């Protein structure tokens, strides 16, 4: 779909461009201060999900993934810490947290 419908502009090939979302300063500082794993210093220690906690974003998929990875020992094996970055003050958000 992307190649057929989005990679062309007026008959010419157009590269896919990614616009990264802005990061709040407090979140950027947390990321900058993170201490890498001494065992795997080249890898990032967090498995991160950054979404608004609302039904249409389906954050429960991340929660289910983390539960499965933890049950299989994958998080411990790779020294990964789940990190859910989200903002919302709703009943739905409270249920995810």
C-alpha atoms as a PDB file:
ATOM      1  CA  UNK A   1       0.000   0.000   0.000  1.00  0.00           C
ATOM      2  CA  UNK A   2       2.713   2.457   0.967  1.00  0.00           C
ATOM      3  CA  UNK A   3       4.765   1.773  -2.138  1.00  0.00           C
ATOM      4  CA  UNK A   4       1.719   1.954  -4.419  1.00  0.00           C
ATOM      5  CA  UNK A   5      -0.147   4.875  -2.904  1.00  0.00           C
ATOM      6  CA  UNK A   6       2.295   6.967  -0.901  1.00  0.00           C
ATOM      7  CA  UNK A   7       5.678   6.601  -2.573  1.00  0.00           C
ATOM      8  CA  UNK A   8       4.756   8.591  -5.653  1.00  0.00           C
ATOM      9  CA  UNK A   9       4.097  12.295  -5.979  1.00  0.00           C
ATOM     10  CA  UNK A  10       2.759  13.333  -9.354  1.00  0.00           C
ATOM     11  CA  UNK A  11       4.297  10.304 -11.023  1.00  0.00           C
ATOM     12  CA  UNK A  12       7.728  10.667  -9.348  1.00  0.00           C
ATOM     13  CA  UNK A  13       9.117   8.475  -6.630  1.00  0.00           C
ATOM     14  CA  UNK A  14       8.996  10.182  -3.226  1.00  0.00           C
ATOM     15  CA  UNK A  15      10.839   8.902  -0.162  1.00  0.00           C
ATOM     16  CA  UNK A  16       8.939   8.113   3.007  1.00  0.00           C
ATOM     17  CA  UNK A  17       9.659  10.795   5.572  1.00  0.00           C
ATOM     18  CA  UNK A  18       9.230  10.248   9.289  1.00  0.00           C
ATOM     19  CA  UNK A  19       8.411  13.056  11.654  1.00  0.00           C
ATOM     20  CA  UNK A  20       9.258  12.025  15.177  1.00  0.00           C
ATOM     21  CA  UNK A  21       6.912  13.283  17.882  1.00  0.00           C
ATOM     22  CA  UNK A  22       8.252  15.945  20.228  1.00  0.00           C
ATOM     23  CA  UNK A  23       9.491  14.767  23.602  1.00  0.00           C
ATOM     24  CA  UNK A  24       8.749  16.754  26.738  1.00  0.00           C
ATOM     25  CA  UNK A  25      11.869  18.064  28.449  1.00  0.00           C
ATOM     26  CA  UNK A  26      11.318  15.977  31.604  1.00  0.00           C
ATOM     27  CA  UNK A  27      11.058  12.792  29.523  1.00  0.00           C
ATOM     28  CA  UNK A  28      14.170  13.736  27.527  1.00  0.00           C
ATOM     29  CA  UNK A  29      16.102  14.254  30.769  1.00  0.00           C
ATOM     30  CA  UNK A  30      15.003  10.840  32.078  1.00  0.00           C
ATOM     31  CA  UNK A  31      16.196   9.208  28.871  1.00  0.00           C
ATOM     32  CA  UNK A  32      19.506  11.100  28.936  1.00  0.00           C
ATOM     33  CA  UNK A  33      20.123  10.092  32.552  1.00  0.00           C
ATOM     34  CA  UNK A  34      19.416   6.387  31.973  1.00  0.00           C
ATOM     35  CA  UNK A  35      22.311   4.130  32.904  1.00  0.00           C
ATOM     36  CA  UNK A  36      22.997   1.498  30.232  1.00  0.00           C
ATOM     37  CA  UNK A  37      23.200  -2.146  31.185  1.00  0.00           C
ATOM     38  CA  UNK A  38      26.787  -3.119  32.076  1.00  0.00           C
ATOM     39  CA  UNK A  39      26.234  -6.498  30.391  1.00  0.00           C
ATOM     40  CA  UNK A  40      24.909  -5.063  27.143  1.00  0.00           C
ATOM     41  CA  UNK A  41      26.082  -1.445  27.117  1.00  0.00           C
ATOM     42  CA  UNK A  42      25.284  -0.969  23.449  1.00  0.00           C
ATOM     43  CA  UNK A  43      21.602  -1.791  23.868  1.00  0.00           C
ATOM     44  CA  UNK A  44      18.886   0.382  25.313  1.00  0.00           C
ATOM     45  CA  UNK A  45      17.517  -0.985  28.599  1.00  0.00           C
ATOM     46  CA  UNK A  46      13.877  -0.012  28.054  1.00  0.00           C
ATOM     47  CA  UNK A  47      11.037  -1.533  26.088  1.00  0.00           C
ATOM     48  CA  UNK A  48       9.031   1.649  25.592  1.00  0.00           C
ATOM     49  CA  UNK A  49       5.476   2.469  24.639  1.00  0.00           C
ATOM     50  CA  UNK A  50       4.622   6.147  24.326  1.00  0.00           C
ATOM     51  CA  UNK A  51       0.935   6.748  23.629  1.00  0.00           C
ATOM     52  CA  UNK A  52      -2.076   8.596  24.934  1.00  0.00           C
ATOM     53  CA  UNK A  53      -4.029   6.175  27.114  1.00  0.00           C
ATOM     54  CA  UNK A  54      -7.223   5.907  25.104  1.00  0.00           C
ATOM     55  CA  UNK A  55      -9.105   2.977  23.571  1.00  0.00           C
ATOM     56  CA  UNK A  56      -8.247   3.897  19.973  1.00  0.00           C
ATOM     57  CA  UNK A  57      -4.482   3.774  20.713  1.00  0.00           C
ATOM     58  CA  UNK A  58      -4.836   0.238  22.144  1.00  0.00           C
ATOM     59  CA  UNK A  59      -2.185   0.533  24.888  1.00  0.00           C
ATOM     60  CA  UNK A  60      -3.408  -2.751  26.335  1.00  0.00           C
ATOM     61  CA  UNK A  61      -1.509  -4.464  23.491  1.00  0.00           C
ATOM     62  CA  UNK A  62       1.750  -3.204  25.020  1.00  0.00           C
ATOM     63  CA  UNK A  63       0.652  -4.414  28.466  1.00  0.00           C
ATOM     64  CA  UNK A  64      -0.227  -7.853  27.042  1.00  0.00           C
ATOM     65  CA  UNK A  65       3.108  -8.010  25.200  1.00  0.00           C
ATOM     66  CA  UNK A  66       5.029  -7.170  28.365  1.00  0.00           C
ATOM     67  CA  UNK A  67       3.116  -9.830  30.308  1.00  0.00           C
ATOM     68  CA  UNK A  68       3.948 -12.467  27.691  1.00  0.00           C
ATOM     69  CA  UNK A  69       7.618 -11.471  27.467  1.00  0.00           C
ATOM     70  CA  UNK A  70       7.937 -11.523  31.257  1.00  0.00           C
ATOM     71  CA  UNK A  71       6.269 -14.940  31.488  1.00  0.00           C
ATOM     72  CA  UNK A  72       8.728 -16.310  28.913  1.00  0.00           C
ATOM     73  CA  UNK A  73      11.720 -14.775  30.709  1.00  0.00           C
ATOM     74  CA  UNK A  74      12.621 -12.569  27.757  1.00  0.00           C
ATOM     75  CA  UNK A  75      12.666  -9.322  29.761  1.00  0.00           C
ATOM     76  CA  UNK A  76      15.039 -10.773  32.357  1.00  0.00           C
ATOM     77  CA  UNK A  77      17.178 -12.493  29.721  1.00  0.00           C
ATOM     78  CA  UNK A  78      17.749  -9.237  27.848  1.00  0.00           C
ATOM     79  CA  UNK A  79      17.704  -7.014  30.952  1.00  0.00           C
ATOM     80  CA  UNK A  80      14.790  -4.998  29.598  1.00  0.00           C
ATOM     81  CA  UNK A  81      12.564  -2.760  31.687  1.00  0.00           C
ATOM     82  CA  UNK A  82       9.054  -2.043  30.399  1.00  0.00           C
ATOM     83  CA  UNK A  83       8.458   1.710  30.279  1.00  0.00           C
ATOM     84  CA  UNK A  84       4.973   3.047  29.551  1.00  0.00           C
ATOM     85  CA  UNK A  85       5.097   6.792  28.882  1.00  0.00           C
ATOM     86  CA  UNK A  86       1.573   8.129  28.845  1.00  0.00           C
ATOM     87  CA  UNK A  87      -0.648  10.922  29.966  1.00  0.00           C
ATOM     88  CA  UNK A  88      -4.363  10.790  30.559  1.00  0.00           C
ATOM     89  CA  UNK A  89      -6.735  11.209  33.457  1.00  0.00           C
ATOM     90  CA  UNK A  90      -9.575   8.901  32.500  1.00  0.00           C
ATOM     91  CA  UNK A  91     -11.125   5.742  33.866  1.00  0.00           C
ATOM     92  CA  UNK A  92      -9.680   3.870  30.879  1.00  0.00           C
ATOM     93  CA  UNK A  93      -6.164   5.157  31.698  1.00  0.00           C
ATOM     94  CA  UNK A  94      -6.530   4.142  35.352  1.00  0.00           C
ATOM     95  CA  UNK A  95      -7.375   0.604  34.217  1.00  0.00           C
ATOM     96  CA  UNK A  96      -4.224   0.388  32.070  1.00  0.00           C
ATOM     97  CA  UNK A  97      -1.939   1.682  34.796  1.00  0.00           C
END
